Amino acid sequence: MSLKNKEALKDALGLFKANTFKVIYIVLIFTVVLTFTTKANFLIKTDKAGYIDALNLLASLLASIVATVYSITIVALQLASTQFSPRILRYFLSNNPYTQITLGIFLGWVVYCLLLKFWLIDAIPPEQSVVPDSMKPILNLGIYGCICLIGVVLPHFIVTIAESINAASITRKITLHTLHEVQIAQKTWQHQEETKERPQHTNKIAIKSENFGYLRSLNIEKLRKIANQYPQIDFIEQINDVGSFIQKDVEIAYIALNAPIPEIKKIENQIRKQFDIGKFRSYRQDIHFGLRQLVDIALKAISPAVNDPTTAINCLDYLGEIIREIMEAGMPSVGFTKWKGEKVYLNEASFDRVVNQAFDQIYHYGKNDFAVTARLIDTIRKVIPFALKINYLDVFADEILEVGLDFSYQYQNGNLKHVHSQEQLMRIFKITLKTIQTLEEQYRHLDKNDYEGKEKLQSLRNKCLKNIEEIKKIGDDMTL
């Protein structure tokens, strides 16, 4: 069982420990004890009219509950769209099995009760008031099922919805989905070798899309089979990475041929079918999609309309965890790769794009917030020790240079003095110094003493030290 499924099961079972269910358990135990002490049984014994009244009451009650359940779901969708991001809405309903099953059970049981009334009970002759013993278990099932839905499923659904619209729950679920895709992608990355340049060939045939939308997934196994099936094919090249928007009649792949193939149109159609293009992006093969959702939630949180930096910090923590897992999984540092020993070139998300997407926008819109800026730089510092490739460290060096130099520039121009206190500015520069130190230590750990950006990092260090001394001096002058 994957990590996300284990966590979902754990959360679902954990909700049964809520105080609401403790009351239900007490009532249930009392009913069972009372039944046995009075030497009764669990079968409802009544006449035809009694069953009709019970089914009428429970069916109408369930119908009202269904309307309530739909209302709760709509409110949750509206709140999630307003507070977090519209991109997470379909995972509350269309991609959420629990919500679908709950709504389906309630609707199905309403139909079941109606069938019992109009099909089973109406089959009893009008002059007969006693229900046959063969029908009683079926009728009891409908009645007890309604009681179970009202007493157990409905409270659990309400508690689950309340839990699911919590910011921490949403960001964690997004992270678990993304980490699940990282684990799947790791099996693919192990068979890829990095290629800095696209392959050159004199006879390339372009395969164009017949539809427009987002590239949701790519069947790599089928592409490998097609490439190996025809010796005339030198290689198949993927142009756009998963998650990209594909316009109609644009190239999505190339076939490089060393000799003509009579059934080339058939091969083109086969390759075209391996590209799944639709209106929605999905987690499948698209690590950027999970990152995009976390970044969107963080940007929404730090906007003036919401002003919730704690949620933005929560997103940064999970972004750091995703990047750490990506590095341990061995993600290619460049976006263009070749399947080892095969004739397939793939265009995938590169590590520098992952880091840039995770931090750039959040820093740009959150640099006026001390807590967000400090946590962003500190998140980079925490994941640097897990970078076991020089290319990974180079990406982090570029990122901390971009953030640190811009923050220092903003400070020198006086753009930050009205939004940050002197103590906050000093703490951010100190965190930047720690990050530079961690980066240099990791370079030394990998036996890389001469690396690109070394002089720029030293320059950034000097600027941070200079800014700290300047802030201290201002503080001393104010004290005097």
Protein backbone atom coordinates (compact mmCIF):
# COMPACT_ATOMS: atom_id res chain seq x y z
CA MET A 1 0.00 0.00 0.00
CA SER A 2 1.36 3.41 -0.97
CA LEU A 3 2.08 6.14 1.57
CA LYS A 4 -0.88 8.27 0.51
CA ASN A 5 -3.32 5.32 0.82
CA LYS A 6 -1.92 4.36 4.24
CA GLU A 7 -2.34 7.92 5.46
CA ALA A 8 -5.89 8.17 4.07
CA LEU A 9 -6.86 4.92 5.81
CA LYS A 10 -5.24 6.05 9.05
CA ASP A 11 -7.10 9.39 8.96
CA ALA A 12 -10.43 7.71 8.18
CA LEU A 13 -10.09 5.26 11.07
CA GLY A 14 -8.80 7.97 13.38
CA LEU A 15 -12.00 9.97 12.96
CA PHE A 16 -13.93 7.18 14.70
CA LYS A 17 -12.19 8.28 17.91
CA ALA A 18 -14.05 11.60 17.86
CA ASN A 19 -16.40 12.46 20.72
CA THR A 20 -19.39 12.19 18.39
CA PHE A 21 -18.73 8.52 17.85
CA LYS A 22 -18.14 7.93 21.56
CA VAL A 23 -21.76 8.92 22.16
CA ILE A 24 -22.88 6.64 19.33
CA TYR A 25 -20.89 3.76 20.81
CA ILE A 26 -22.54 4.28 24.21
CA VAL A 27 -26.03 4.25 22.68
CA LEU A 28 -25.20 1.16 20.62
CA ILE A 29 -23.82 -0.73 23.63
CA PHE A 30 -26.88 0.25 25.68
CA THR A 31 -29.18 -1.04 22.93
CA VAL A 32 -27.34 -4.35 22.64
CA VAL A 33 -27.32 -4.90 26.41
CA LEU A 34 -30.99 -4.00 26.68
CA THR A 35 -31.86 -6.37 23.85
CA PHE A 36 -30.12 -9.33 25.42
CA THR A 37 -31.33 -8.64 28.98
CA THR A 38 -34.94 -8.52 27.79
CA LYS A 39 -34.36 -11.68 25.71
CA ALA A 40 -35.45 -9.86 22.57
CA ASN A 41 -33.91 -10.13 19.11
CA PHE A 42 -32.69 -7.67 16.53
CA LEU A 43 -35.46 -8.37 14.02
CA ILE A 44 -38.20 -5.77 13.89
CA LYS A 45 -41.55 -7.47 14.35
CA THR A 46 -44.46 -5.39 13.18
CA ASP A 47 -47.26 -5.54 10.69
CA LYS A 48 -47.46 -4.28 7.14
CA ALA A 49 -48.53 -0.76 8.15
CA GLY A 50 -45.65 -0.50 10.59
CA TYR A 51 -43.10 -1.34 7.93
CA ILE A 52 -44.68 1.15 5.53
CA ASP A 53 -44.54 3.93 8.13
CA ALA A 54 -40.92 3.12 8.98
CA LEU A 55 -39.82 3.08 5.34
CA ASN A 56 -41.71 6.32 4.60
CA LEU A 57 -40.06 8.07 7.52
CA LEU A 58 -36.54 6.80 6.83
CA ALA A 59 -36.70 7.35 3.05
CA SER A 60 -37.84 10.97 3.48
CA LEU A 61 -35.22 11.49 6.19
CA LEU A 62 -32.47 10.10 3.97
CA ALA A 63 -33.61 12.29 1.08
CA SER A 64 -33.27 15.35 3.33
CA ILE A 65 -29.84 14.17 4.47
CA VAL A 66 -28.72 13.77 0.85
CA ALA A 67 -29.61 17.42 0.24
CA THR A 68 -27.66 18.35 3.38
CA VAL A 69 -24.66 16.31 2.26
CA TYR A 70 -24.67 18.03 -1.13
CA SER A 71 -24.92 21.42 0.58
CA ILE A 72 -21.97 20.60 2.83
CA THR A 73 -19.94 19.54 -0.20
CA ILE A 74 -20.78 22.72 -2.13
CA VAL A 75 -19.83 24.90 0.85
CA ALA A 76 -16.53 23.04 1.14
CA LEU A 77 -15.86 23.54 -2.58
CA GLN A 78 -16.64 27.26 -2.36
CA LEU A 79 -14.43 27.71 0.69
CA ALA A 80 -11.57 25.77 -0.88
CA SER A 81 -11.80 27.80 -4.09
CA THR A 82 -11.83 31.11 -2.22
CA GLN A 83 -9.18 30.39 0.40
CA PHE A 84 -6.81 28.07 -1.44
CA SER A 85 -6.92 27.42 -5.19
CA PRO A 86 -9.54 26.52 -7.84
CA ARG A 87 -7.22 23.74 -9.03
CA ILE A 88 -7.93 21.59 -5.97
CA LEU A 89 -11.73 21.57 -6.41
CA ARG A 90 -12.07 18.40 -8.44
CA TYR A 91 -10.17 16.48 -5.79
CA PHE A 92 -13.00 17.21 -3.35
CA LEU A 93 -15.59 15.46 -5.53
CA SER A 94 -14.66 13.95 -8.90
CA ASN A 95 -11.30 12.54 -7.73
CA ASN A 96 -12.34 11.87 -4.13
CA PRO A 97 -13.63 8.29 -3.77
CA TYR A 98 -14.84 8.86 -0.21
CA THR A 99 -17.17 11.73 -1.17
CA GLN A 100 -18.46 9.83 -4.20
CA ILE A 101 -19.08 6.65 -2.20
CA THR A 102 -20.83 8.54 0.60
CA LEU A 103 -23.18 10.35 -1.76
CA GLY A 104 -23.75 7.13 -3.70
CA ILE A 105 -24.61 5.15 -0.55
CA PHE A 106 -27.18 7.71 0.60
CA LEU A 107 -28.81 7.97 -2.83
CA GLY A 108 -28.71 4.20 -3.30
CA TRP A 109 -30.35 3.55 0.06
CA VAL A 110 -33.15 6.00 -0.71
CA VAL A 111 -33.82 4.05 -3.91
CA TYR A 112 -33.58 0.77 -1.98
CA CYS A 113 -36.19 1.92 0.55
CA LEU A 114 -38.51 3.05 -2.23
CA LEU A 115 -38.14 -0.31 -3.97
CA LEU A 116 -38.94 -2.11 -0.73
CA LYS A 117 -42.09 -0.08 -0.32
CA PHE A 118 -43.43 -0.07 -3.89
CA TRP A 119 -42.12 -3.43 -5.03
CA LEU A 120 -41.85 -5.78 -2.07
CA ILE A 121 -44.58 -4.59 0.31
CA ASP A 122 -47.06 -3.84 -2.49
CA ALA A 123 -46.71 -7.48 -3.52
CA ILE A 124 -48.49 -8.45 -0.29
CA PRO A 125 -52.26 -8.78 -0.84
CA PRO A 126 -54.24 -5.79 0.52
CA GLU A 127 -56.35 -7.97 2.79
CA GLN A 128 -53.20 -9.44 4.43
CA SER A 129 -51.79 -7.32 7.27
CA VAL A 130 -49.04 -9.71 8.32
CA VAL A 131 -45.67 -9.55 6.55
CA PRO A 132 -44.34 -12.98 5.50
CA ASP A 133 -41.28 -14.17 7.43
CA SER A 134 -39.28 -14.47 4.19
CA MET A 135 -39.60 -10.70 3.60
CA LYS A 136 -38.70 -9.55 7.11
CA PRO A 137 -34.87 -9.90 6.81
CA ILE A 138 -34.90 -7.78 3.63
CA LEU A 139 -37.08 -5.12 5.22
CA ASN A 140 -34.99 -5.15 8.39
CA LEU A 141 -31.87 -4.67 6.29
CA GLY A 142 -33.34 -1.51 4.79
CA ILE A 143 -34.37 -0.11 8.18
CA TYR A 144 -31.12 -0.94 9.97
CA GLY A 145 -29.15 0.33 7.00
CA CYS A 146 -30.90 3.70 7.29
CA ILE A 147 -30.13 3.84 11.00
CA CYS A 148 -26.46 3.04 10.31
CA LEU A 149 -26.22 5.72 7.63
CA ILE A 150 -27.80 8.35 9.88
CA GLY A 151 -25.92 7.36 13.03
CA VAL A 152 -22.47 6.49 11.64
CA VAL A 153 -21.84 7.46 8.02
CA LEU A 154 -23.32 10.98 8.22
CA PRO A 155 -21.32 12.07 11.31
CA HIS A 156 -18.17 10.57 9.82
CA PHE A 157 -18.76 12.44 6.56
CA ILE A 158 -19.28 15.75 8.35
CA VAL A 159 -16.12 15.29 10.41
CA THR A 160 -14.19 14.26 7.29
CA ILE A 161 -15.30 17.34 5.35
CA ALA A 162 -14.34 19.58 8.27
CA GLU A 163 -10.94 17.90 8.32
CA SER A 164 -10.46 18.00 4.55
CA ILE A 165 -10.93 21.78 4.20
CA ASN A 166 -8.20 22.43 6.75
CA ALA A 167 -5.17 24.01 5.10
CA ALA A 168 -2.75 21.54 6.67
CA SER A 169 -4.82 18.58 5.43
CA ILE A 170 -5.02 19.94 1.89
CA THR A 171 -1.30 20.66 1.60
CA ARG A 172 -0.40 17.27 3.08
CA LYS A 173 -2.68 15.41 0.66
CA ILE A 174 -1.14 17.28 -2.27
CA THR A 175 2.31 16.39 -0.97
CA LEU A 176 1.41 12.71 -0.56
CA HIS A 177 0.05 12.56 -4.12
CA THR A 178 3.21 14.20 -5.44
CA LEU A 179 5.54 11.94 -3.43
CA HIS A 180 3.63 8.94 -4.75
CA GLU A 181 4.39 10.08 -8.30
CA VAL A 182 8.04 10.64 -7.34
CA GLN A 183 8.25 7.02 -6.19
CA ILE A 184 6.78 5.86 -9.50
CA ALA A 185 9.05 8.18 -11.50
CA GLN A 186 12.11 6.86 -9.67
CA LYS A 187 11.71 3.53 -11.48
CA THR A 188 11.79 5.43 -14.78
CA TRP A 189 14.70 7.71 -13.85
CA GLN A 190 16.87 4.68 -13.10
CA HIS A 191 16.72 3.72 -16.78
CA GLN A 192 17.47 7.17 -18.17
CA GLU A 193 20.73 8.85 -19.04
CA GLU A 194 21.07 12.61 -19.25
CA THR A 195 21.46 14.21 -22.66
CA LYS A 196 22.32 17.87 -22.80
CA GLU A 197 21.33 18.37 -26.43
CA ARG A 198 18.53 17.07 -28.60
CA PRO A 199 19.58 14.44 -31.14
CA GLN A 200 20.30 15.65 -34.65
CA HIS A 201 19.03 13.77 -37.70
CA THR A 202 18.59 14.52 -41.38
CA ASN A 203 15.30 12.67 -41.74
CA LYS A 204 12.88 13.62 -38.99
CA ILE A 205 9.14 13.23 -39.39
CA ALA A 206 6.99 15.43 -37.16
CA ILE A 207 3.94 13.94 -35.48
CA LYS A 208 1.32 16.60 -34.83
CA SER A 209 -1.46 16.64 -32.27
CA GLU A 210 -5.07 16.22 -33.34
CA ASN A 211 -6.42 17.84 -30.19
CA PHE A 212 -5.58 20.67 -27.81
CA GLY A 213 -5.25 20.62 -24.05
CA TYR A 214 -2.79 19.58 -21.38
CA LEU A 215 -0.48 16.63 -21.85
CA ARG A 216 -1.59 14.46 -18.93
CA SER A 217 0.56 11.37 -19.42
CA LEU A 218 2.77 9.51 -21.84
CA ASN A 219 2.92 5.75 -22.40
CA ILE A 220 6.67 5.27 -22.48
CA GLU A 221 6.49 1.47 -22.66
CA LYS A 222 4.46 1.57 -25.87
CA LEU A 223 6.88 4.08 -27.41
CA ARG A 224 9.79 1.77 -26.62
CA LYS A 225 7.99 -1.18 -28.21
CA ILE A 226 7.22 0.81 -31.35
CA ALA A 227 10.83 2.00 -31.62
CA ASN A 228 12.19 -1.54 -31.24
CA GLN A 229 9.61 -3.07 -33.56
CA TYR A 230 10.84 -1.23 -36.65
CA PRO A 231 14.58 -1.29 -37.48
CA GLN A 232 14.04 1.67 -39.83
CA ILE A 233 13.41 3.89 -36.81
CA ASP A 234 16.59 5.44 -35.41
CA PHE A 235 14.78 7.07 -32.50
CA ILE A 236 11.53 8.59 -31.26
CA GLU A 237 11.77 12.01 -29.62
CA GLN A 238 9.28 13.54 -27.19
CA ILE A 239 8.98 17.31 -27.64
CA ASN A 240 6.79 18.60 -24.78
CA ASP A 241 7.02 17.47 -21.19
CA VAL A 242 4.00 16.14 -19.30
CA GLY A 243 1.89 19.02 -17.99
CA SER A 244 2.55 21.29 -20.96
CA PHE A 245 -0.31 22.84 -22.90
CA ILE A 246 -0.52 21.35 -26.38
CA GLN A 247 -2.08 23.32 -29.20
CA LYS A 248 -3.81 21.64 -32.09
CA ASP A 249 -1.68 20.76 -35.12
CA VAL A 250 1.65 21.33 -33.36
CA GLU A 251 4.53 18.86 -33.11
CA ILE A 252 4.38 16.53 -30.12
CA ALA A 253 7.02 14.02 -31.26
CA TYR A 254 9.58 13.26 -33.97
CA ILE A 255 10.42 9.99 -35.69
CA ALA A 256 13.93 9.71 -37.10
CA LEU A 257 14.11 7.23 -39.99
CA ASN A 258 17.09 5.64 -41.72
CA ALA A 259 14.89 4.11 -44.44
CA PRO A 260 11.32 4.53 -45.70
CA ILE A 261 8.51 2.63 -43.95
CA PRO A 262 5.39 1.78 -45.99
CA GLU A 263 3.07 1.87 -42.96
CA ILE A 264 4.42 5.20 -41.66
CA LYS A 265 0.91 6.65 -41.22
CA LYS A 266 -0.07 3.73 -39.03
CA ILE A 267 3.05 4.23 -36.91
CA GLU A 268 2.31 7.94 -36.57
CA ASN A 269 -1.20 7.18 -35.31
CA GLN A 270 0.17 4.61 -32.86
CA ILE A 271 2.64 7.12 -31.45
CA ARG A 272 0.02 9.88 -31.32
CA LYS A 273 -2.26 7.65 -29.23
CA GLN A 274 0.42 7.33 -26.54
CA PHE A 275 0.06 11.05 -25.74
CA ASP A 276 -2.92 11.58 -23.42
CA ILE A 277 -4.20 15.12 -23.97
CA GLY A 278 -7.13 16.47 -21.96
CA LYS A 279 -8.61 19.53 -20.27
CA PHE A 280 -7.13 18.88 -16.81
CA ARG A 281 -3.63 18.35 -15.56
CA SER A 282 -3.22 15.41 -13.20
CA TYR A 283 -0.68 14.08 -10.72
CA ARG A 284 0.19 11.17 -12.98
CA GLN A 285 3.73 11.66 -14.35
CA ASP A 286 3.40 15.38 -13.56
CA ILE A 287 5.40 16.31 -10.48
CA HIS A 288 5.10 19.98 -11.41
CA PHE A 289 1.33 19.78 -10.92
CA GLY A 290 1.67 19.09 -7.20
CA LEU A 291 4.28 21.83 -6.86
CA ARG A 292 2.03 24.22 -8.77
CA GLN A 293 -0.86 23.60 -6.38
CA LEU A 294 1.28 24.18 -3.28
CA VAL A 295 2.70 27.36 -4.77
CA ASP A 296 -0.78 28.58 -5.71
CA ILE A 297 -2.02 27.99 -2.16
CA ALA A 298 1.01 29.83 -0.77
CA LEU A 299 0.47 32.79 -3.11
CA LYS A 300 -3.20 32.93 -2.19
CA ALA A 301 -2.28 32.83 1.50
CA ILE A 302 0.13 35.77 1.32
CA SER A 303 -2.20 37.89 -0.79
CA PRO A 304 -3.66 40.97 0.98
CA ALA A 305 -7.17 39.52 0.69
CA VAL A 306 -6.29 36.42 2.75
CA ASN A 307 -3.14 37.44 4.68
CA ASP A 308 -2.36 33.99 6.07
CA PRO A 309 1.45 33.60 6.14
CA THR A 310 1.17 30.46 8.30
CA THR A 311 -0.37 28.57 5.39
CA ALA A 312 2.38 29.85 3.09
CA ILE A 313 4.99 28.58 5.57
CA ASN A 314 3.19 25.24 5.66
CA CYS A 315 3.44 25.05 1.87
CA LEU A 316 7.16 25.87 1.98
CA ASP A 317 7.76 23.05 4.46
CA TYR A 318 6.08 20.54 2.16
CA LEU A 319 7.84 21.93 -0.91
CA GLY A 320 11.12 21.30 0.86
CA GLU A 321 10.08 17.72 1.62
CA ILE A 322 9.14 17.10 -2.02
CA ILE A 323 12.48 18.46 -3.24
CA ARG A 324 14.32 16.27 -0.74
CA GLU A 325 12.46 13.18 -1.98
CA ILE A 326 13.13 14.15 -5.59
CA MET A 327 16.86 14.34 -4.94
CA GLU A 328 16.90 10.99 -3.15
CA ALA A 329 14.97 9.47 -6.05
CA GLY A 330 17.67 10.62 -8.47
CA MET A 331 15.76 13.03 -10.69
CA PRO A 332 17.72 13.97 -13.84
CA SER A 333 19.35 17.35 -13.46
CA VAL A 334 18.55 18.17 -17.09
CA GLY A 335 15.16 17.91 -18.73
CA PHE A 336 16.16 15.95 -21.82
CA THR A 337 17.06 12.28 -21.33
CA LYS A 338 17.50 9.06 -23.28
CA TRP A 339 16.28 5.64 -22.24
CA LYS A 340 19.36 3.49 -21.69
CA GLY A 341 19.88 1.06 -24.55
CA GLU A 342 16.68 2.16 -26.25
CA LYS A 343 15.77 4.47 -29.12
CA VAL A 344 13.53 6.83 -27.15
CA TYR A 345 14.36 10.39 -26.08
CA LEU A 346 12.21 11.93 -23.36
CA ASN A 347 11.54 15.52 -22.38
CA GLU A 348 10.85 15.66 -18.66
CA ALA A 349 10.88 18.11 -15.80
CA SER A 350 14.42 19.11 -14.85
CA PHE A 351 15.62 19.72 -11.31
CA ASP A 352 16.30 23.41 -11.86
CA ARG A 353 12.71 23.92 -13.04
CA VAL A 354 11.45 22.16 -9.92
CA VAL A 355 13.44 24.43 -7.60
CA ASN A 356 12.56 27.57 -9.54
CA GLN A 357 8.88 26.76 -9.54
CA ALA A 358 8.92 25.94 -5.84
CA PHE A 359 10.53 29.17 -4.62
CA ASP A 360 10.65 31.97 -7.19
CA GLN A 361 7.04 33.16 -7.14
CA ILE A 362 6.66 32.75 -3.39
CA TYR A 363 9.74 34.91 -2.82
CA HIS A 364 8.62 37.52 -5.35
CA TYR A 365 5.22 38.03 -3.72
CA GLY A 366 6.26 37.25 -0.14
CA LYS A 367 9.54 39.11 0.31
CA ASN A 368 7.74 41.82 2.27
CA ASP A 369 6.69 39.22 4.84
CA PHE A 370 9.45 38.38 7.28
CA ALA A 371 8.16 34.92 8.25
CA VAL A 372 7.73 33.79 4.64
CA THR A 373 11.13 35.07 3.47
CA ALA A 374 12.96 33.61 6.46
CA ARG A 375 11.29 30.20 6.09
CA LEU A 376 11.94 30.12 2.33
CA ILE A 377 15.69 30.66 2.76
CA ASP A 378 15.79 28.26 5.70
CA THR A 379 13.96 25.60 3.67
CA ILE A 380 16.67 25.81 1.02
CA ARG A 381 19.30 25.46 3.75
CA LYS A 382 17.63 22.34 5.17
CA VAL A 383 17.46 20.45 1.86
CA ILE A 384 21.00 21.26 0.70
CA PRO A 385 22.63 18.41 2.74
CA PHE A 386 20.54 15.90 0.75
CA ALA A 387 21.99 17.12 -2.57
CA LEU A 388 24.47 14.41 -3.57
CA LYS A 389 25.03 15.67 -7.11
CA ILE A 390 27.05 18.69 -8.10
CA ASN A 391 24.31 19.72 -10.50
CA TYR A 392 21.82 19.82 -7.63
CA LEU A 393 24.14 22.06 -5.61
CA ASP A 394 24.63 24.36 -8.60
CA VAL A 395 20.86 24.81 -8.79
CA PHE A 396 20.65 25.67 -5.08
CA ALA A 397 23.59 28.06 -5.46
CA ASP A 398 21.78 29.88 -8.27
CA GLU A 399 18.60 30.02 -6.21
CA ILE A 400 20.19 31.41 -3.05
CA LEU A 401 22.16 33.90 -5.13
CA GLU A 402 18.98 35.07 -6.83
CA VAL A 403 17.07 35.42 -3.56
CA GLY A 404 19.95 36.77 -1.47
CA LEU A 405 21.18 39.34 -3.98
CA ASP A 406 17.67 40.63 -4.63
CA PHE A 407 16.89 40.91 -0.92
CA SER A 408 20.18 42.73 -0.32
CA TYR A 409 19.44 45.06 -3.23
CA GLN A 410 15.96 45.80 -1.89
CA TYR A 411 17.43 46.54 1.52
CA GLN A 412 20.12 48.85 0.17
CA ASN A 413 17.50 50.81 -1.77
CA GLY A 414 15.38 51.20 1.35
CA ASN A 415 12.44 49.23 -0.01
CA LEU A 416 12.30 46.86 2.98
CA LYS A 417 12.90 49.20 5.90
CA HIS A 418 9.24 50.17 6.16
CA VAL A 419 7.99 46.54 6.19
CA HIS A 420 10.71 44.81 8.25
CA SER A 421 12.12 45.73 11.61
CA GLN A 422 15.88 45.93 12.06
CA GLU A 423 15.89 42.70 14.03
CA GLN A 424 13.95 40.91 11.29
CA LEU A 425 16.30 42.16 8.58
CA MET A 426 19.29 41.02 10.59
CA ARG A 427 17.80 37.56 11.12
CA ILE A 428 17.15 37.11 7.41
CA PHE A 429 20.72 38.05 6.53
CA LYS A 430 22.00 35.65 9.21
CA ILE A 431 19.87 32.82 7.79
CA THR A 432 21.29 33.62 4.36
CA LEU A 433 24.82 33.37 5.78
CA LYS A 434 24.00 29.96 7.29
CA THR A 435 22.62 28.80 3.96
CA ILE A 436 25.79 29.88 2.14
CA GLN A 437 27.88 28.07 4.75
CA THR A 438 25.80 24.89 4.39
CA LEU A 439 26.15 25.08 0.62
CA GLU A 440 29.93 25.44 0.80
CA GLU A 441 30.19 22.56 3.27
CA GLN A 442 28.21 20.32 0.94
CA TYR A 443 30.48 21.24 -1.98
CA ARG A 444 33.46 20.24 0.16
CA HIS A 445 31.69 17.03 1.16
CA LEU A 446 31.45 16.16 -2.54
CA ASP A 447 35.15 17.06 -3.03
CA LYS A 448 34.29 20.04 -5.19
CA ASN A 449 36.37 23.02 -4.07
CA ASP A 450 36.32 24.88 -7.37
CA TYR A 451 32.75 25.34 -8.54
CA GLU A 452 30.80 27.79 -10.63
CA GLY A 453 29.38 30.63 -8.58
CA LYS A 454 31.98 30.41 -5.81
CA GLU A 455 33.01 34.05 -6.18
CA LYS A 456 29.38 35.19 -6.35
CA LEU A 457 28.60 33.33 -3.13
CA GLN A 458 31.56 35.01 -1.46
CA SER A 459 30.32 38.37 -2.73
CA LEU A 460 26.85 37.64 -1.31
CA ARG A 461 28.42 36.67 2.01
CA ASN A 462 30.28 39.98 2.16
CA LYS A 463 27.11 41.92 1.39
CA CYS A 464 25.21 40.11 4.14
CA LEU A 465 27.99 40.81 6.65
CA LYS A 466 28.08 44.45 5.59
CA ASN A 467 24.31 44.77 5.93
CA ILE A 468 24.37 43.18 9.38
CA GLU A 469 27.06 45.60 10.56
CA GLU A 470 25.08 48.51 9.14
CA ILE A 471 21.92 47.39 10.94
CA LYS A 472 23.84 47.01 14.21
CA LYS A 473 25.26 50.50 13.81
CA ILE A 474 21.81 51.95 13.21
CA GLY A 475 20.57 50.19 16.33
CA ASP A 476 23.47 51.56 18.38
CA ASP A 477 22.84 55.08 17.11
CA MET A 478 19.17 54.83 18.03
CA THR A 479 20.12 53.64 21.51
CA LEU A 480 22.36 56.65 21.99
